[in-house]
Amino acid sequence: MGSTQPLVLVVGATGKFAGLVVPELRQRNAAVRALVRNEAGAAVARLRGATEIAMGDLRDRDSLAEATRGVDGVFHIGPAFASDEAAMGVALVDAAQRSGVKKFVFSSVIQPTNTRLANHASKIPVEDALYASRLEYTILHPANFMQNIGLAWPSIRDHSCFGEPFPKDTRVARVDYRDVAEVAAIALTEDRLAYAALELCAGMFSRMDIVAALSEALGYPIVATEPGFDEWAANARLPYRGDSLLLLSKVLDHYQAYGLGGNSLALRAALEREPRSLRDYINDLAADNK
């Protein structure tokens, strides 16, 4: 992106996933403008390394015009299971074009054309808007995030079990979002990933693989369980309600019926190294929760 320090707008910089992109950009000498809703979010974004703050909202087109003004790149990940996720993403693409942004990285989802899953299909209009834009886009298709395992830490710690509402031998494609964040930062600060659509997956793992890694890292046995969806959702203390929770249940129904396929080739090529493994993630999770 030239010899001068690029400025990148990061949507979701205060979140647990997009927040991982900020330090990766800073390591590559990019300045970060964080899109936040309030001063509390601004404080969090600054702690993570944001150098500028844009107060705004993905549903407010005027604020998006201001947030994208003068930036070289945009990183976008939509709010999970929001009914208007597609409209928000398309509005951001439009704002980026109008502001003369060069690069746009969209953290989409693995298998976005799996239209049986509404939260997957909601990514299609955003991808379509990028394909029909003048932006130098990179579209990321990450698998199920390994960080979702960490959300169950209280149950792992207190009850020595790890459960998900689908069969324990079902294999699901997963990725450490730290690797996704690194790929995003590469795409926003280099040119080699321009116009790529990349499936990002470290491998396919069953719950038996996960509890084996947990047992090894913790030094005592962790049992794989198969709770029903309602029990699992209640214990996980998810931030979703109503229609959003229903959309999530459809995803897990799909895993129960078919699992989730994925291939690590593109992630390995983008990183130019081996992706973080399931055991890498589990070992770090255990170390962080000692």
Protein backbone atom coordinates (compact mmCIF):
# COMPACT_ATOMS: atom_id res chain seq x y z
CA MET A 1 0.00 0.00 0.00
CA GLY A 2 2.94 2.30 -0.56
CA SER A 3 5.74 3.56 1.68
CA THR A 4 3.56 5.71 3.95
CA GLN A 5 1.79 4.25 6.97
CA PRO A 6 -1.62 2.93 5.85
CA LEU A 7 -4.73 3.80 7.86
CA VAL A 8 -7.26 0.96 8.27
CA LEU A 9 -10.81 1.23 9.57
CA VAL A 10 -11.62 -1.80 11.74
CA VAL A 11 -15.29 -2.59 12.29
CA GLY A 12 -15.84 -4.52 15.51
CA ALA A 13 -12.49 -3.50 17.01
CA THR A 14 -13.92 -3.90 20.53
CA GLY A 15 -15.15 -7.43 19.84
CA LYS A 16 -13.44 -10.71 20.63
CA PHE A 17 -12.77 -11.49 16.96
CA ALA A 18 -12.17 -8.23 15.08
CA GLY A 19 -10.27 -7.10 18.15
CA LEU A 20 -7.60 -9.63 17.19
CA VAL A 21 -7.07 -7.83 13.87
CA VAL A 22 -5.97 -4.58 15.52
CA PRO A 23 -2.64 -5.82 16.99
CA GLU A 24 -1.89 -7.72 13.77
CA LEU A 25 -2.24 -4.47 11.82
CA ARG A 26 -0.13 -2.57 14.32
CA GLN A 27 2.62 -5.17 13.99
CA ARG A 28 2.64 -4.39 10.26
CA ASN A 29 3.01 -0.65 10.87
CA ALA A 30 -0.60 0.19 9.98
CA ALA A 31 -2.52 2.82 11.88
CA VAL A 32 -5.99 1.72 13.03
CA ARG A 33 -9.19 3.74 13.13
CA ALA A 34 -11.77 1.86 15.19
CA LEU A 35 -15.49 2.19 14.49
CA VAL A 36 -17.19 2.28 17.89
CA ARG A 37 -20.55 3.36 19.27
CA ASN A 38 -19.54 5.14 22.47
CA GLU A 39 -16.70 6.32 24.68
CA ALA A 40 -16.53 3.00 26.52
CA GLY A 41 -15.87 1.26 23.22
CA ALA A 42 -13.33 3.92 22.31
CA ALA A 43 -11.38 3.20 25.50
CA VAL A 44 -11.29 -0.53 24.74
CA ALA A 45 -10.20 0.08 21.15
CA ARG A 46 -7.36 2.36 22.27
CA LEU A 47 -6.14 -0.29 24.72
CA ARG A 48 -5.98 -2.74 21.84
CA GLY A 49 -3.89 -0.36 19.77
CA ALA A 50 -6.32 1.82 17.81
CA THR A 51 -4.75 5.17 16.96
CA GLU A 52 -7.96 6.89 15.85
CA ILE A 53 -11.63 6.60 16.84
CA ALA A 54 -14.70 6.97 14.63
CA MET A 55 -17.99 7.20 16.46
CA GLY A 56 -20.68 5.59 14.37
CA ASP A 57 -23.00 2.73 13.62
CA LEU A 58 -23.33 0.32 10.71
CA ARG A 59 -26.99 1.33 10.45
CA ASP A 60 -26.10 5.04 10.09
CA ARG A 61 -24.90 5.79 6.56
CA ASP A 62 -23.75 9.30 7.44
CA SER A 63 -21.49 7.94 10.18
CA LEU A 64 -20.06 5.37 7.74
CA ALA A 65 -19.24 8.14 5.26
CA GLU A 66 -17.32 9.95 7.99
CA ALA A 67 -15.64 6.79 9.31
CA THR A 68 -14.32 5.76 5.89
CA ARG A 69 -13.08 9.21 4.89
CA GLY A 70 -9.32 9.22 4.42
CA VAL A 71 -8.68 5.54 5.15
CA ASP A 72 -6.69 3.21 2.92
CA GLY A 73 -8.40 -0.02 3.94
CA VAL A 74 -11.43 -1.43 5.73
CA PHE A 75 -11.82 -4.62 7.76
CA HIS A 76 -15.42 -5.72 8.21
CA ILE A 77 -17.04 -8.53 10.14
CA GLY A 78 -20.81 -8.35 10.49
CA PRO A 79 -22.69 -8.73 13.78
CA ALA A 80 -23.53 -12.41 14.18
CA PHE A 81 -27.14 -13.41 13.45
CA ALA A 82 -28.37 -9.82 12.99
CA SER A 83 -31.44 -9.73 10.75
CA ASP A 84 -30.06 -6.76 8.77
CA GLU A 85 -26.46 -7.99 8.59
CA ALA A 86 -26.47 -7.94 4.79
CA ALA A 87 -27.81 -4.38 4.57
CA MET A 88 -25.16 -3.15 7.00
CA GLY A 89 -22.36 -4.78 5.05
CA VAL A 90 -23.58 -3.45 1.71
CA ALA A 91 -23.85 0.06 3.19
CA LEU A 92 -20.24 -0.14 4.36
CA VAL A 93 -19.05 -1.29 0.92
CA ASP A 94 -20.88 1.65 -0.63
CA ALA A 95 -19.39 4.10 1.86
CA ALA A 96 -15.89 2.74 1.23
CA GLN A 97 -16.28 3.19 -2.51
CA ARG A 98 -17.58 6.73 -2.17
CA SER A 99 -14.66 7.62 0.11
CA GLY A 100 -12.05 6.27 -2.30
CA VAL A 101 -10.87 3.43 -0.06
CA LYS A 102 -8.42 1.09 -1.78
CA LYS A 103 -8.59 -2.21 0.12
CA PHE A 104 -11.55 -3.97 1.73
CA VAL A 105 -11.30 -7.22 3.70
CA PHE A 106 -14.57 -8.95 4.54
CA SER A 107 -14.63 -11.70 7.15
CA SER A 108 -17.50 -13.74 5.72
CA VAL A 109 -18.15 -17.39 6.53
CA ILE A 110 -17.19 -20.80 5.22
CA GLN A 111 -19.69 -22.04 2.62
CA PRO A 112 -21.59 -18.75 2.16
CA THR A 113 -23.61 -20.33 -0.65
CA ASN A 114 -25.02 -22.88 1.79
CA THR A 115 -28.34 -21.03 1.63
CA ARG A 116 -30.06 -23.53 3.94
CA LEU A 117 -28.34 -21.52 6.67
CA ALA A 118 -29.67 -17.96 6.74
CA ASN A 119 -26.64 -16.55 8.55
CA HIS A 120 -24.41 -17.97 5.79
CA ALA A 121 -26.64 -16.67 3.02
CA SER A 122 -26.66 -13.19 4.59
CA LYS A 123 -23.02 -12.84 3.54
CA ILE A 124 -23.83 -13.25 -0.16
CA PRO A 125 -25.13 -9.69 -0.79
CA VAL A 126 -22.01 -8.22 0.81
CA GLU A 127 -19.74 -10.41 -1.32
CA ASP A 128 -21.80 -9.50 -4.39
CA ALA A 129 -21.40 -5.80 -3.60
CA LEU A 130 -17.63 -6.26 -3.41
CA TYR A 131 -17.48 -8.14 -6.71
CA ALA A 132 -19.39 -5.26 -8.31
CA SER A 133 -17.16 -2.59 -6.79
CA ARG A 134 -13.90 -0.84 -7.66
CA LEU A 135 -12.42 -1.93 -4.32
CA GLU A 136 -9.40 -4.20 -4.05
CA TYR A 137 -11.24 -6.82 -2.02
CA THR A 138 -10.18 -9.92 -0.14
CA ILE A 139 -12.97 -12.18 1.08
CA LEU A 140 -12.28 -14.54 3.97
CA HIS A 141 -14.35 -17.68 4.49
CA PRO A 142 -13.40 -18.82 8.01
CA ALA A 143 -14.61 -22.10 9.46
CA ASN A 144 -16.11 -22.46 12.95
CA PHE A 145 -13.91 -20.47 15.33
CA MET A 146 -11.84 -22.44 17.83
CA GLN A 147 -12.48 -19.54 20.22
CA ASN A 148 -16.04 -20.87 20.59
CA ILE A 149 -14.52 -23.72 22.60
CA GLY A 150 -13.23 -21.16 25.08
CA LEU A 151 -16.76 -19.93 25.73
CA ALA A 152 -17.40 -23.26 27.49
CA TRP A 153 -14.48 -22.84 29.89
CA PRO A 154 -16.64 -22.66 33.06
CA SER A 155 -18.12 -26.08 32.26
CA ILE A 156 -14.72 -27.49 31.34
CA ARG A 157 -13.20 -26.16 34.57
CA ASP A 158 -16.05 -26.88 36.98
CA HIS A 159 -17.51 -30.11 35.57
CA SER A 160 -14.65 -31.64 33.54
CA CYS A 161 -16.83 -31.89 30.47
CA PHE A 162 -17.26 -30.24 27.09
CA GLY A 163 -20.57 -30.43 25.28
CA GLU A 164 -22.12 -29.30 22.03
CA PRO A 165 -25.63 -30.12 20.76
CA PHE A 166 -24.61 -32.53 18.03
CA PRO A 167 -22.97 -35.99 18.05
CA LYS A 168 -19.55 -36.20 19.67
CA ASP A 169 -18.00 -37.94 16.65
CA THR A 170 -19.22 -35.33 14.13
CA ARG A 171 -16.30 -33.61 12.42
CA VAL A 172 -16.49 -29.82 12.11
CA ALA A 173 -14.07 -27.57 10.24
CA ARG A 174 -12.48 -25.15 12.70
CA VAL A 175 -9.95 -22.32 12.64
CA ASP A 176 -8.15 -20.24 15.24
CA TYR A 177 -9.36 -16.68 14.60
CA ARG A 178 -5.88 -15.42 15.43
CA ASP A 179 -4.85 -16.92 12.08
CA VAL A 180 -7.82 -15.28 10.35
CA ALA A 181 -6.76 -11.95 11.86
CA GLU A 182 -3.25 -12.43 10.55
CA VAL A 183 -4.53 -13.17 7.04
CA ALA A 184 -6.72 -10.06 7.20
CA ALA A 185 -3.75 -7.91 8.21
CA ILE A 186 -1.63 -9.35 5.40
CA ALA A 187 -4.38 -8.56 2.90
CA LEU A 188 -4.68 -4.99 4.20
CA THR A 189 -0.95 -4.21 4.18
CA GLU A 190 0.35 -6.25 1.23
CA ASP A 191 -0.84 -6.96 -2.31
CA ARG A 192 -0.42 -10.73 -2.62
CA LEU A 193 -3.94 -11.58 -1.38
CA ALA A 194 -5.77 -8.98 -3.48
CA TYR A 195 -8.99 -10.25 -5.12
CA ALA A 196 -8.74 -13.60 -3.35
CA ALA A 197 -11.64 -15.48 -1.76
CA LEU A 198 -10.05 -17.79 0.79
CA GLU A 199 -11.47 -20.73 2.72
CA LEU A 200 -9.73 -20.52 6.10
CA CYS A 201 -9.68 -23.82 7.98
CA ALA A 202 -7.07 -25.53 10.12
CA GLY A 203 -8.70 -28.97 9.91
CA MET A 204 -11.80 -30.96 10.75
CA PHE A 205 -12.19 -32.09 14.36
CA SER A 206 -14.69 -34.09 16.35
CA ARG A 207 -15.59 -33.36 19.96
CA MET A 208 -13.58 -36.45 20.87
CA ASP A 209 -10.53 -34.73 19.36
CA ILE A 210 -11.28 -31.63 21.43
CA VAL A 211 -11.63 -33.44 24.77
CA ALA A 212 -8.47 -35.45 24.05
CA ALA A 213 -6.56 -32.17 23.60
CA LEU A 214 -8.20 -30.69 26.70
CA SER A 215 -7.38 -33.76 28.79
CA GLU A 216 -3.75 -33.66 27.70
CA ALA A 217 -3.40 -29.92 28.36
CA LEU A 218 -5.11 -30.03 31.77
CA GLY A 219 -3.69 -33.31 33.02
CA TYR A 220 -7.03 -34.88 33.90
CA PRO A 221 -9.86 -36.41 31.83
CA ILE A 222 -12.46 -34.21 30.16
CA VAL A 223 -15.65 -35.94 29.02
CA ALA A 224 -17.46 -35.21 25.75
CA THR A 225 -21.20 -34.66 26.26
CA GLU A 226 -24.18 -34.15 23.93
CA PRO A 227 -26.58 -31.69 25.58
CA GLY A 228 -29.80 -30.62 23.90
CA PHE A 229 -29.78 -27.21 22.26
CA ASP A 230 -31.80 -25.43 24.98
CA GLU A 231 -29.62 -26.80 27.78
CA TRP A 232 -26.45 -25.97 25.87
CA ALA A 233 -27.60 -22.43 25.04
CA ALA A 234 -28.56 -21.74 28.66
CA ASN A 235 -25.23 -22.98 30.02
CA ALA A 236 -23.25 -21.10 27.36
CA ARG A 237 -24.86 -17.80 28.37
CA LEU A 238 -25.09 -16.74 24.74
CA PRO A 239 -25.84 -13.10 23.86
CA TYR A 240 -28.56 -14.15 21.39
CA ARG A 241 -32.33 -14.12 21.79
CA GLY A 242 -35.40 -14.87 19.68
CA ASP A 243 -34.75 -15.11 15.95
CA SER A 244 -30.98 -14.93 16.43
CA LEU A 245 -31.04 -17.97 18.69
CA LEU A 246 -33.22 -19.79 16.15
CA LEU A 247 -30.68 -19.09 13.39
CA LEU A 248 -27.92 -20.53 15.58
CA SER A 249 -30.00 -23.64 16.26
CA LYS A 250 -30.31 -24.20 12.49
CA VAL A 251 -26.52 -24.12 12.16
CA LEU A 252 -26.13 -26.76 14.85
CA ASP A 253 -28.90 -28.86 13.29
CA HIS A 254 -26.89 -28.77 10.08
CA TYR A 255 -23.78 -29.95 11.94
CA GLN A 256 -25.80 -32.79 13.41
CA ALA A 257 -26.93 -33.91 9.97
CA TYR A 258 -23.83 -33.25 7.89
CA GLY A 259 -20.92 -31.96 9.97
CA LEU A 260 -18.94 -29.14 8.37
CA GLY A 261 -16.31 -29.70 5.71
CA GLY A 262 -13.19 -27.61 5.26
CA ASN A 263 -9.68 -27.69 3.81
CA SER A 264 -6.49 -26.12 5.20
CA LEU A 265 -4.74 -25.54 1.84
CA ALA A 266 -5.72 -21.88 1.39
CA LEU A 267 -4.93 -20.91 5.00
CA ARG A 268 -1.50 -22.53 4.81
CA ALA A 269 -0.76 -20.70 1.56
CA ALA A 270 -1.97 -17.33 2.84
CA LEU A 271 0.03 -17.56 6.09
CA GLU A 272 3.06 -19.12 4.41
CA ARG A 273 3.30 -21.41 7.46
CA GLU A 274 1.31 -24.14 9.14
CA PRO A 275 -1.95 -22.90 10.72
CA ARG A 276 -2.34 -23.01 14.47
CA SER A 277 -3.52 -26.49 15.37
CA LEU A 278 -6.36 -27.48 17.67
CA ARG A 279 -3.76 -28.47 20.27
CA ASP A 280 -2.04 -25.09 19.91
CA TYR A 281 -5.32 -23.36 20.67
CA ILE A 282 -6.21 -25.69 23.58
CA ASN A 283 -2.75 -25.34 25.15
CA ASP A 284 -3.03 -21.54 24.99
CA LEU A 285 -6.56 -21.68 26.38
CA ALA A 286 -5.43 -23.78 29.33
CA ALA A 287 -2.42 -21.54 29.98
CA ASP A 288 -4.55 -18.40 29.91
CA ASN A 289 -7.00 -19.88 32.43
CA LYS A 290 -4.61 -21.25 35.06
